[in-house]
């Protein structure tokens, strides 16, 4: 049964609208200490923090995900359902666009000020 379920979930994830509102623009809300992955989207999709802040990603979905900065600033590795990443230190001001390498249309932005 599980062998049949995983391919279905991966296919469903590829077809599901991803990224969520705010992934591409808009004003950034303050980042919580943990960015959640739920419904094949990062929540919040866009947020801001002060330089020196550490964040974690928590996978609340039924499928594995990753959070990888486009410029190579961070990579959580694979987060299986229920996993929380190690802390990610954001020390340099700038805008960090990131995505899920397993589901590339899942995107988010962290603004470090």
Protein backbone atom coordinates (compact mmCIF):
# COMPACT_ATOMS: atom_id res chain seq x y z
CA UNK A 1 0.00 0.00 0.00
CA UNK A 2 2.79 2.46 0.92
CA UNK A 3 4.57 1.71 -2.36
CA UNK A 4 1.51 2.91 -4.23
CA UNK A 5 0.92 5.92 -1.99
CA UNK A 6 4.34 7.64 -2.34
CA UNK A 7 4.30 7.94 -6.16
CA UNK A 8 0.76 9.29 -5.95
CA UNK A 9 1.77 11.91 -3.34
CA UNK A 10 4.80 12.97 -5.39
CA UNK A 11 2.67 13.29 -8.52
CA UNK A 12 0.05 15.23 -6.59
CA UNK A 13 2.75 17.59 -5.32
CA UNK A 14 3.98 18.23 -8.85
CA UNK A 15 0.46 19.23 -9.96
CA UNK A 16 -0.56 21.22 -6.87
CA UNK A 17 -0.31 25.05 -7.09
CA UNK A 18 2.73 25.91 -5.00
CA UNK A 19 4.54 28.83 -3.51
CA UNK A 20 1.52 30.48 -1.95
CA UNK A 21 0.63 34.14 -1.89
CA UNK A 22 3.55 36.46 -1.35
CA UNK A 23 6.21 34.12 -2.71
CA UNK A 24 7.06 36.53 -5.49
CA UNK A 25 6.59 39.95 -3.94
CA UNK A 26 4.82 42.17 -1.48
CA UNK A 27 5.93 43.38 1.91
CA UNK A 28 7.66 40.93 4.20
CA UNK A 29 6.23 40.10 7.61
CA UNK A 30 8.59 39.31 10.50
CA UNK A 31 9.88 35.74 10.28
CA UNK A 32 8.81 33.40 13.04
CA UNK A 33 11.60 31.29 14.53
CA UNK A 34 10.36 28.37 12.42
CA UNK A 35 9.19 28.57 8.81
CA UNK A 36 6.60 25.86 8.28
CA UNK A 37 6.21 23.75 5.17
CA UNK A 38 2.56 22.88 4.75
CA UNK A 39 0.26 22.36 1.77
CA UNK A 40 3.30 22.28 -0.55
CA UNK A 41 4.15 25.88 0.42
CA UNK A 42 6.49 27.74 2.76
CA UNK A 43 4.60 29.64 5.49
CA UNK A 44 5.22 32.52 5.55
CA UNK A 45 6.41 32.60 1.95
CA UNK A 46 8.09 35.99 2.46
CA UNK A 47 9.44 37.31 5.74
CA UNK A 48 12.20 39.47 7.21
CA UNK A 49 14.69 39.14 10.06
CA UNK A 50 17.56 41.09 11.60
CA UNK A 51 21.07 39.98 10.64
CA UNK A 52 22.37 37.37 13.07
CA UNK A 53 19.00 35.63 13.42
CA UNK A 54 18.76 31.84 13.15
CA UNK A 55 15.74 30.14 11.59
CA UNK A 56 14.56 26.57 11.22
CA UNK A 57 12.28 24.90 8.69
CA UNK A 58 9.64 22.41 9.87
CA UNK A 59 7.98 19.97 7.45
CA UNK A 60 4.31 19.52 8.34
CA UNK A 61 3.45 17.88 4.98
CA UNK A 62 3.12 14.19 4.17
CA UNK A 63 5.87 14.41 1.52
CA UNK A 64 9.61 15.16 1.91
CA UNK A 65 10.81 18.71 1.16
CA UNK A 66 13.99 20.82 1.21
CA UNK A 67 14.76 24.52 1.57
CA UNK A 68 17.73 25.60 -0.55
CA UNK A 69 18.91 29.19 -1.11
CA UNK A 70 19.30 30.00 -4.79
CA UNK A 71 22.74 31.52 -4.25
CA UNK A 72 23.94 28.61 -2.12
CA UNK A 73 23.61 30.40 1.24
CA UNK A 74 21.86 27.48 2.93
CA UNK A 75 20.43 24.02 2.27
CA UNK A 76 18.38 22.09 4.83
CA UNK A 77 18.88 18.74 3.15
CA UNK A 78 15.84 16.47 2.91
CA UNK A 79 13.22 17.08 5.58
CA UNK A 80 10.95 14.09 5.89
CA UNK A 81 7.41 14.51 7.24
CA UNK A 82 7.62 15.79 10.82
CA UNK A 83 11.31 16.81 10.59
CA UNK A 84 12.70 20.19 11.67
CA UNK A 85 15.94 21.49 10.16
CA UNK A 86 19.07 22.42 12.04
CA UNK A 87 19.30 26.18 12.75
CA UNK A 88 20.25 28.31 9.76
CA UNK A 89 22.25 31.41 10.73
CA UNK A 90 21.49 34.44 8.56
CA UNK A 91 24.39 36.81 9.24
CA UNK A 92 24.68 38.82 6.01
CA UNK A 93 22.05 41.44 5.07
CA UNK A 94 20.37 40.79 1.75
CA UNK A 95 17.46 39.04 0.09
CA UNK A 96 17.60 35.25 0.06
CA UNK A 97 15.30 33.54 -2.42
CA UNK A 98 14.93 29.83 -1.69
CA UNK A 99 13.07 26.85 -3.09
CA UNK A 100 12.39 23.16 -2.54
CA UNK A 101 14.74 21.08 -4.70
CA UNK A 102 12.21 18.22 -4.69
CA UNK A 103 9.30 20.50 -5.73
CA UNK A 104 11.02 23.45 -7.49
CA UNK A 105 7.87 25.55 -7.83
CA UNK A 106 7.75 25.86 -4.02
CA UNK A 107 9.49 29.19 -3.36
CA UNK A 108 10.05 31.68 -0.59
CA UNK A 109 12.07 34.78 0.29
CA UNK A 110 13.84 35.83 3.47
CA UNK A 111 14.91 39.47 3.76
CA UNK A 112 17.84 39.95 6.15
CA UNK A 113 18.30 43.55 7.26
